[in-house]
Amino acid sequence: MLINIISSSLRDIGCDVINCEGDAECEIMHPAIAASQYGSTTLIGGDNDLFVLLLYSMKPDNKSLFFHSDKKITNPIRVNKSK
């Protein structure tokens, strides 16, 4: 699968990668928020529900958390500055 090749390549250069099966907003969101407690984190997803859940769940003391749509070519949105 293409996602496995991309994930492996990212891991090879030192990125932490979490893959979730199916429509798993919470499984995707919670690790991103946890990772943002320790450093800048980018969540790439195609679902606006993820962005809304991130806005709701972010804590003000977390480091930078960015959301980047996999459906559009746009700049990432900094979630913890959007609240």
PDB file of N, CA and C in Angstrom:
ATOM      1  N   MET A   1       0.834  -1.187   0.000  1.00  0.00           N
ATOM      2  CA  MET A   1       0.000   0.000   0.000  1.00  0.00           C
ATOM      3  C   MET A   1       0.875   1.246   0.000  1.00  0.00           C
ATOM      4  N   LEU A   2       0.428   2.268  -0.680  1.00  0.00           N
ATOM      5  CA  LEU A   2       1.169   3.514  -0.777  1.00  0.00           C
ATOM      6  C   LEU A   2       1.377   4.156   0.597  1.00  0.00           C
ATOM      7  N   ILE A   3       0.354   4.122   1.437  1.00  0.00           N
ATOM      8  CA  ILE A   3       0.475   4.742   2.762  1.00  0.00           C
ATOM      9  C   ILE A   3       1.590   4.093   3.579  1.00  0.00           C
ATOM     10  N   ASN A   4       1.782   2.786   3.420  1.00  0.00           N
ATOM     11  CA  ASN A   4       2.850   2.097   4.149  1.00  0.00           C
ATOM     12  C   ASN A   4       4.225   2.525   3.654  1.00  0.00           C
ATOM     13  N   ILE A   5       4.364   2.744   2.362  1.00  0.00           N
ATOM     14  CA  ILE A   5       5.637   3.205   1.802  1.00  0.00           C
ATOM     15  C   ILE A   5       5.952   4.609   2.307  1.00  0.00           C
ATOM     16  N   ILE A   6       4.959   5.481   2.273  1.00  0.00           N
ATOM     17  CA  ILE A   6       5.156   6.851   2.757  1.00  0.00           C
ATOM     18  C   ILE A   6       5.472   6.844   4.247  1.00  0.00           C
ATOM     19  N   SER A   7       4.733   6.066   5.025  1.00  0.00           N
ATOM     20  CA  SER A   7       4.966   5.989   6.468  1.00  0.00           C
ATOM     21  C   SER A   7       6.366   5.493   6.772  1.00  0.00           C
ATOM     22  N   SER A   8       6.795   4.483   6.071  1.00  0.00           N
ATOM     23  CA  SER A   8       8.132   3.927   6.267  1.00  0.00           C
ATOM     24  C   SER A   8       9.203   4.963   5.942  1.00  0.00           C
ATOM     25  N   SER A   9       9.027   5.689   4.861  1.00  0.00           N
ATOM     26  CA  SER A   9       9.987   6.726   4.475  1.00  0.00           C
ATOM     27  C   SER A   9      10.061   7.829   5.525  1.00  0.00           C
ATOM     28  N   LEU A  10       8.916   8.227   6.064  1.00  0.00           N
ATOM     29  CA  LEU A  10       8.902   9.250   7.108  1.00  0.00           C
ATOM     30  C   LEU A  10       9.584   8.757   8.381  1.00  0.00           C
ATOM     31  N   ARG A  11       9.328   7.512   8.740  1.00  0.00           N
ATOM     32  CA  ARG A  11       9.990   6.934   9.920  1.00  0.00           C
ATOM     33  C   ARG A  11      11.507   6.876   9.724  1.00  0.00           C
ATOM     34  N   ASP A  12      11.927   6.554   8.506  1.00  0.00           N
ATOM     35  CA  ASP A  12      13.363   6.469   8.202  1.00  0.00           C
ATOM     36  C   ASP A  12      14.085   7.790   8.428  1.00  0.00           C
ATOM     37  N   ILE A  13      13.380   8.907   8.271  1.00  0.00           N
ATOM     38  CA  ILE A  13      14.021  10.208   8.489  1.00  0.00           C
ATOM     39  C   ILE A  13      13.718  10.781   9.874  1.00  0.00           C
ATOM     40  N   GLY A  14      13.140   9.941  10.747  1.00  0.00           N
ATOM     41  CA  GLY A  14      12.968  10.341  12.145  1.00  0.00           C
ATOM     42  C   GLY A  14      11.616  10.896  12.535  1.00  0.00           C
ATOM     43  N   CYS A  15      10.627  10.805  11.661  1.00  0.00           N
ATOM     44  CA  CYS A  15       9.287  11.288  11.995  1.00  0.00           C
ATOM     45  C   CYS A  15       8.507  10.208  12.739  1.00  0.00           C
ATOM     46  N   ASP A  16       7.694  10.630  13.693  1.00  0.00           N
ATOM     47  CA  ASP A  16       6.765   9.707  14.337  1.00  0.00           C
ATOM     48  C   ASP A  16       5.519   9.640  13.470  1.00  0.00           C
ATOM     49  N   VAL A  17       5.104   8.430  13.098  1.00  0.00           N
ATOM     50  CA  VAL A  17       3.967   8.240  12.205  1.00  0.00           C
ATOM     51  C   VAL A  17       2.986   7.281  12.861  1.00  0.00           C
ATOM     52  N   ILE A  18       1.704   7.663  12.861  1.00  0.00           N
ATOM     53  CA  ILE A  18       0.643   6.807  13.384  1.00  0.00           C
ATOM     54  C   ILE A  18      -0.375   6.624  12.270  1.00  0.00           C
ATOM     55  N   ASN A  19      -0.646   5.380  11.901  1.00  0.00           N
ATOM     56  CA  ASN A  19      -1.651   5.075  10.878  1.00  0.00           C
ATOM     57  C   ASN A  19      -2.884   4.479  11.550  1.00  0.00           C
ATOM     58  N   CYS A  20      -4.057   4.945  11.152  1.00  0.00           N
ATOM     59  CA  CYS A  20      -5.313   4.424  11.685  1.00  0.00           C
ATOM     60  C   CYS A  20      -6.146   3.900  10.529  1.00  0.00           C
ATOM     61  N   GLU A  21      -6.871   2.853  10.775  1.00  0.00           N
ATOM     62  CA  GLU A  21      -7.717   2.239   9.756  1.00  0.00           C
ATOM     63  C   GLU A  21      -9.089   2.905   9.745  1.00  0.00           C
ATOM     64  N   GLY A  22      -9.657   3.059   8.564  1.00  0.00           N
ATOM     65  CA  GLY A  22     -11.036   3.517   8.431  1.00  0.00           C
ATOM     66  C   GLY A  22     -11.274   4.939   8.895  1.00  0.00           C
ATOM     67  N   ASP A  23     -12.485   5.222   9.306  1.00  0.00           N
ATOM     68  CA  ASP A  23     -12.910   6.540   9.755  1.00  0.00           C
ATOM     69  C   ASP A  23     -12.704   6.627  11.257  1.00  0.00           C
ATOM     70  N   ALA A  24     -11.528   7.032  11.665  1.00  0.00           N
ATOM     71  CA  ALA A  24     -11.134   6.930  13.073  1.00  0.00           C
ATOM     72  C   ALA A  24     -10.704   8.284  13.627  1.00  0.00           C
ATOM     73  N   GLU A  25     -11.616   9.247  13.615  1.00  0.00           N
ATOM     74  CA  GLU A  25     -11.253  10.598  14.037  1.00  0.00           C
ATOM     75  C   GLU A  25     -10.579  10.633  15.410  1.00  0.00           C
ATOM     76  N   CYS A  26     -11.167   9.959  16.384  1.00  0.00           N
ATOM     77  CA  CYS A  26     -10.597  10.006  17.729  1.00  0.00           C
ATOM     78  C   CYS A  26      -9.253   9.288  17.808  1.00  0.00           C
ATOM     79  N   GLU A  27      -9.116   8.185  17.098  1.00  0.00           N
ATOM     80  CA  GLU A  27      -7.836   7.471  17.087  1.00  0.00           C
ATOM     81  C   GLU A  27      -6.741   8.310  16.443  1.00  0.00           C
ATOM     82  N   ILE A  28      -7.108   9.162  15.533  1.00  0.00           N
ATOM     83  CA  ILE A  28      -6.145  10.033  14.863  1.00  0.00           C
ATOM     84  C   ILE A  28      -5.867  11.274  15.705  1.00  0.00           C
ATOM     85  N   MET A  29      -6.915  11.852  16.265  1.00  0.00           N
ATOM     86  CA  MET A  29      -6.808  13.113  16.978  1.00  0.00           C
ATOM     87  C   MET A  29      -6.027  13.002  18.281  1.00  0.00           C
ATOM     88  N   HIS A  30      -6.325  12.002  19.095  1.00  0.00           N
ATOM     89  CA  HIS A  30      -5.706  11.908  20.424  1.00  0.00           C
ATOM     90  C   HIS A  30      -4.185  11.790  20.380  1.00  0.00           C
ATOM     91  N   PRO A  31      -3.597  10.959  19.528  1.00  0.00           N
ATOM     92  CA  PRO A  31      -2.124  10.931  19.471  1.00  0.00           C
ATOM     93  C   PRO A  31      -1.526  12.260  18.997  1.00  0.00           C
ATOM     94  N   ALA A  32      -2.211  12.960  18.102  1.00  0.00           N
ATOM     95  CA  ALA A  32      -1.702  14.253  17.635  1.00  0.00           C
ATOM     96  C   ALA A  32      -1.687  15.263  18.779  1.00  0.00           C
ATOM     97  N   ILE A  33      -2.745  15.291  19.554  1.00  0.00           N
ATOM     98  CA  ILE A  33      -2.797  16.205  20.696  1.00  0.00           C
ATOM     99  C   ILE A  33      -1.750  15.820  21.729  1.00  0.00           C
ATOM    100  N   ALA A  34      -1.592  14.528  21.988  1.00  0.00           N
ATOM    101  CA  ALA A  34      -0.569  14.079  22.947  1.00  0.00           C
ATOM    102  C   ALA A  34       0.830  14.458  22.469  1.00  0.00           C
ATOM    103  N   ALA A  35       1.105  14.287  21.188  1.00  0.00           N
ATOM    104  CA  ALA A  35       2.423  14.633  20.647  1.00  0.00           C
ATOM    105  C   ALA A  35       2.672  16.129  20.731  1.00  0.00           C
ATOM    106  N   SER A  36       1.625  16.943  20.596  1.00  0.00           N
ATOM    107  CA  SER A  36       1.794  18.396  20.628  1.00  0.00           C
ATOM    108  C   SER A  36       2.108  18.915  22.027  1.00  0.00           C
ATOM    109  N   GLN A  37       2.008  18.061  23.041  1.00  0.00           N
ATOM    110  CA  GLN A  37       2.414  18.460  24.389  1.00  0.00           C
ATOM    111  C   GLN A  37       3.927  18.583  24.487  1.00  0.00           C
ATOM    112  N   TYR A  38       4.639  17.916  23.589  1.00  0.00           N
ATOM    113  CA  TYR A  38       6.099  17.850  23.662  1.00  0.00           C
ATOM    114  C   TYR A  38       6.800  18.593  22.539  1.00  0.00           C
ATOM    115  N   GLY A  39       6.111  18.863  21.443  1.00  0.00           N
ATOM    116  CA  GLY A  39       6.742  19.554  20.323  1.00  0.00           C
ATOM    117  C   GLY A  39       5.749  19.853  19.220  1.00  0.00           C
ATOM    118  N   SER A  40       6.192  20.612  18.268  1.00  0.00           N
ATOM    119  CA  SER A  40       5.353  20.989  17.134  1.00  0.00           C
ATOM    120  C   SER A  40       4.902  19.736  16.372  1.00  0.00           C
ATOM    121  N   THR A  41       3.609  19.671  16.056  1.00  0.00           N
ATOM    122  CA  THR A  41       3.003  18.485  15.447  1.00  0.00           C
ATOM    123  C   THR A  41       2.103  18.921  14.298  1.00  0.00           C
ATOM    124  N   THR A  42       2.108  18.148  13.216  1.00  0.00           N
ATOM    125  CA  THR A  42       1.204  18.404  12.097  1.00  0.00           C
ATOM    126  C   THR A  42       0.337  17.180  11.869  1.00  0.00           C
ATOM    127  N   LEU A  43      -0.961  17.377  11.837  1.00  0.00           N
ATOM    128  CA  LEU A  43      -1.922  16.316  11.538  1.00  0.00           C
ATOM    129  C   LEU A  43      -2.405  16.543  10.107  1.00  0.00           C
ATOM    130  N   ILE A  44      -2.237  15.544   9.271  1.00  0.00           N
ATOM    131  CA  ILE A  44      -2.692  15.626   7.886  1.00  0.00           C
ATOM    132  C   ILE A  44      -3.933  14.752   7.762  1.00  0.00           C
ATOM    133  N   GLY A  45      -5.047  15.364   7.385  1.00  0.00           N
ATOM    134  CA  GLY A  45      -6.292  14.620   7.258  1.00  0.00           C
ATOM    135  C   GLY A  45      -7.219  15.309   6.284  1.00  0.00           C
ATOM    136  N   GLY A  46      -8.216  14.597   5.840  1.00  0.00           N
ATOM    137  CA  GLY A  46      -9.134  15.141   4.852  1.00  0.00           C
ATOM    138  C   GLY A  46     -10.512  15.409   5.386  1.00  0.00           C
ATOM    139  N   ASP A  47     -10.650  15.429   6.673  1.00  0.00           N
ATOM    140  CA  ASP A  47     -11.968  15.489   7.271  1.00  0.00           C
ATOM    141  C   ASP A  47     -12.094  16.747   8.127  1.00  0.00           C
ATOM    142  N   ASN A  48     -13.069  17.602   7.823  1.00  0.00           N
ATOM    143  CA  ASN A  48     -13.284  18.804   8.632  1.00  0.00           C
ATOM    144  C   ASN A  48     -13.650  18.466  10.061  1.00  0.00           C
ATOM    145  N   ASP A  49     -14.235  17.281  10.280  1.00  0.00           N
ATOM    146  CA  ASP A  49     -14.558  16.858  11.642  1.00  0.00           C
ATOM    147  C   ASP A  49     -13.300  16.796  12.504  1.00  0.00           C
ATOM    148  N   LEU A  50     -12.186  16.373  11.909  1.00  0.00           N
ATOM    149  CA  LEU A  50     -10.921  16.333  12.648  1.00  0.00           C
ATOM    150  C   LEU A  50     -10.526  17.721  13.129  1.00  0.00           C
ATOM    151  N   PHE A  51     -10.661  18.698  12.257  1.00  0.00           N
ATOM    152  CA  PHE A  51     -10.299  20.066  12.626  1.00  0.00           C
ATOM    153  C   PHE A  51     -11.158  20.565  13.780  1.00  0.00           C
ATOM    154  N   VAL A  52     -12.460  20.319  13.709  1.00  0.00           N
ATOM    155  CA  VAL A  52     -13.369  20.752  14.775  1.00  0.00           C
ATOM    156  C   VAL A  52     -13.036  20.032  16.085  1.00  0.00           C
ATOM    157  N   LEU A  53     -12.776  18.732  16.026  1.00  0.00           N
ATOM    158  CA  LEU A  53     -12.402  17.990  17.234  1.00  0.00           C
ATOM    159  C   LEU A  53     -11.087  18.505  17.823  1.00  0.00           C
ATOM    160  N   LEU A  54     -10.142  18.847  16.966  1.00  0.00           N
ATOM    161  CA  LEU A  54      -8.871  19.404  17.443  1.00  0.00           C
ATOM    162  C   LEU A  54      -9.095  20.739  18.151  1.00  0.00           C
ATOM    163  N   LEU A  55      -9.920  21.601  17.554  1.00  0.00           N
ATOM    164  CA  LEU A  55     -10.223  22.887  18.183  1.00  0.00           C
ATOM    165  C   LEU A  55     -10.833  22.691  19.566  1.00  0.00           C
ATOM    166  N   TYR A  56     -11.737  21.742  19.663  1.00  0.00           N
ATOM    167  CA  TYR A  56     -12.431  21.477  20.923  1.00  0.00           C
ATOM    168  C   TYR A  56     -11.488  20.882  21.971  1.00  0.00           C
ATOM    169  N   SER A  57     -10.567  20.033  21.552  1.00  0.00           N
ATOM    170  CA  SER A  57      -9.778  19.233  22.483  1.00  0.00           C
ATOM    171  C   SER A  57      -8.427  19.827  22.861  1.00  0.00           C
ATOM    172  N   MET A  58      -7.949  20.826  22.121  1.00  0.00           N
ATOM    173  CA  MET A  58      -6.629  21.390  22.393  1.00  0.00           C
ATOM    174  C   MET A  58      -6.579  22.066  23.742  1.00  0.00           C
ATOM    175  N   LYS A  59      -5.444  21.914  24.398  1.00  0.00           N
ATOM    176  CA  LYS A  59      -5.199  22.604  25.659  1.00  0.00           C
ATOM    177  C   LYS A  59      -4.300  23.801  25.365  1.00  0.00           C
ATOM    178  N   PRO A  60      -4.500  24.915  26.050  1.00  0.00           N
ATOM    179  CA  PRO A  60      -3.742  26.120  25.724  1.00  0.00           C
ATOM    180  C   PRO A  60      -2.234  25.992  25.938  1.00  0.00           C
ATOM    181  N   ASP A  61      -1.802  25.075  26.793  1.00  0.00           N
ATOM    182  CA  ASP A  61      -0.367  24.944  27.071  1.00  0.00           C
ATOM    183  C   ASP A  61       0.342  23.978  26.112  1.00  0.00           C
ATOM    184  N   ASN A  62      -0.389  23.370  25.164  1.00  0.00           N
ATOM    185  CA  ASN A  62       0.250  22.498  24.175  1.00  0.00           C
ATOM    186  C   ASN A  62       1.118  23.324  23.240  1.00  0.00           C
ATOM    187  N   LYS A  63       2.134  22.678  22.686  1.00  0.00           N
ATOM    188  CA  LYS A  63       2.987  23.321  21.685  1.00  0.00           C
ATOM    189  C   LYS A  63       2.191  23.486  20.390  1.00  0.00           C
ATOM    190  N   SER A  64       2.817  23.880  19.342  1.00  0.00           N
ATOM    191  CA  SER A  64       2.130  24.122  18.070  1.00  0.00           C
ATOM    192  C   SER A  64       1.544  22.832  17.501  1.00  0.00           C
ATOM    193  N   LEU A  65       0.270  22.902  17.123  1.00  0.00           N
ATOM    194  CA  LEU A  65      -0.392  21.800  16.430  1.00  0.00           C
ATOM    195  C   LEU A  65      -0.993  22.380  15.154  1.00  0.00           C
ATOM    196  N   PHE A  66      -0.601  21.806  14.022  1.00  0.00           N
ATOM    197  CA  PHE A  66      -1.079  22.267  12.726  1.00  0.00           C
ATOM    198  C   PHE A  66      -1.974  21.204  12.112  1.00  0.00           C
ATOM    199  N   PHE A  67      -3.001  21.655  11.385  1.00  0.00           N
ATOM    200  CA  PHE A  67      -3.868  20.761  10.623  1.00  0.00           C
ATOM    201  C   PHE A  67      -3.671  21.085   9.153  1.00  0.00           C
ATOM    202  N   HIS A  68      -3.433  20.056   8.368  1.00  0.00           N
ATOM    203  CA  HIS A  68      -3.221  20.239   6.931  1.00  0.00           C
ATOM    204  C   HIS A  68      -4.157  19.294   6.195  1.00  0.00           C
ATOM    205  N   SER A  69      -4.973  19.849   5.311  1.00  0.00           N
ATOM    206  CA  SER A  69      -5.920  19.044   4.537  1.00  0.00           C
ATOM    207  C   SER A  69      -5.184  18.230   3.490  1.00  0.00           C
ATOM    208  N   ASP A  70      -5.530  16.966   3.364  1.00  0.00           N
ATOM    209  CA  ASP A  70      -4.946  16.148   2.303  1.00  0.00           C
ATOM    210  C   ASP A  70      -5.765  16.262   1.015  1.00  0.00           C
ATOM    211  N   LYS A  71      -6.844  17.042   1.046  1.00  0.00           N
ATOM    212  CA  LYS A  71      -7.709  17.193  -0.122  1.00  0.00           C
ATOM    213  C   LYS A  71      -7.405  18.464  -0.916  1.00  0.00           C
ATOM    214  N   LYS A  72      -6.824  19.468  -0.249  1.00  0.00           N
ATOM    215  CA  LYS A  72      -6.561  20.746  -0.901  1.00  0.00           C
ATOM    216  C   LYS A  72      -5.104  21.121  -0.702  1.00  0.00           C
ATOM    217  N   ILE A  73      -4.584  21.877  -1.642  1.00  0.00           N
ATOM    218  CA  ILE A  73      -3.238  22.410  -1.481  1.00  0.00           C
ATOM    219  C   ILE A  73      -3.377  23.770  -0.816  1.00  0.00           C
ATOM    220  N   THR A  74      -3.193  23.776   0.488  1.00  0.00           N
ATOM    221  CA  THR A  74      -3.298  25.007   1.268  1.00  0.00           C
ATOM    222  C   THR A  74      -2.180  25.012   2.299  1.00  0.00           C
ATOM    223  N   ASN A  75      -2.031  26.133   2.944  1.00  0.00           N
ATOM    224  CA  ASN A  75      -1.097  26.193   4.059  1.00  0.00           C
ATOM    225  C   ASN A  75      -1.724  25.523   5.268  1.00  0.00           C
ATOM    226  N   PRO A  76      -0.910  24.877   6.108  1.00  0.00           N
ATOM    227  CA  PRO A  76      -1.452  24.284   7.326  1.00  0.00           C
ATOM    228  C   PRO A  76      -2.069  25.351   8.230  1.00  0.00           C
ATOM    229  N   ILE A  77      -3.096  24.977   8.964  1.00  0.00           N
ATOM    230  CA  ILE A  77      -3.758  25.874   9.905  1.00  0.00           C
ATOM    231  C   ILE A  77      -3.210  25.577  11.299  1.00  0.00           C
ATOM    232  N   ARG A  78      -2.767  26.600  12.018  1.00  0.00           N
ATOM    233  CA  ARG A  78      -2.272  26.412  13.372  1.00  0.00           C
ATOM    234  C   ARG A  78      -3.467  26.335  14.312  1.00  0.00           C
ATOM    235  N   VAL A  79      -3.739  25.141  14.826  1.00  0.00           N
ATOM    236  CA  VAL A  79      -4.960  24.876  15.587  1.00  0.00           C
ATOM    237  C   VAL A  79      -4.984  25.642  16.891  1.00  0.00           C
ATOM    238  N   ASN A  80      -3.891  25.621  17.675  1.00  0.00           N
ATOM    239  CA  ASN A  80      -3.949  26.236  18.989  1.00  0.00           C
ATOM    240  C   ASN A  80      -3.955  27.761  18.929  1.00  0.00           C
ATOM    241  N   LYS A  81      -3.797  28.367  17.782  1.00  0.00           N
ATOM    242  CA  LYS A  81      -3.954  29.816  17.631  1.00  0.00           C
ATOM    243  C   LYS A  81      -5.322  30.147  17.056  1.00  0.00           C
ATOM    244  N   SER A  82      -6.119  29.120  16.692  1.00  0.00           N
ATOM    245  CA  SER A  82      -7.424  29.338  16.069  1.00  0.00           C
ATOM    246  C   SER A  82      -8.543  29.427  17.091  1.00  0.00           C
ATOM    247  N   LYS A  83      -8.255  29.033  18.332  1.00  0.00           N
ATOM    248  CA  LYS A  83      -9.297  29.037  19.368  1.00  0.00           C
ATOM    249  C   LYS A  83      -9.699  30.437  19.734  1.00  0.00           C
TER     250      LYS A  83
END
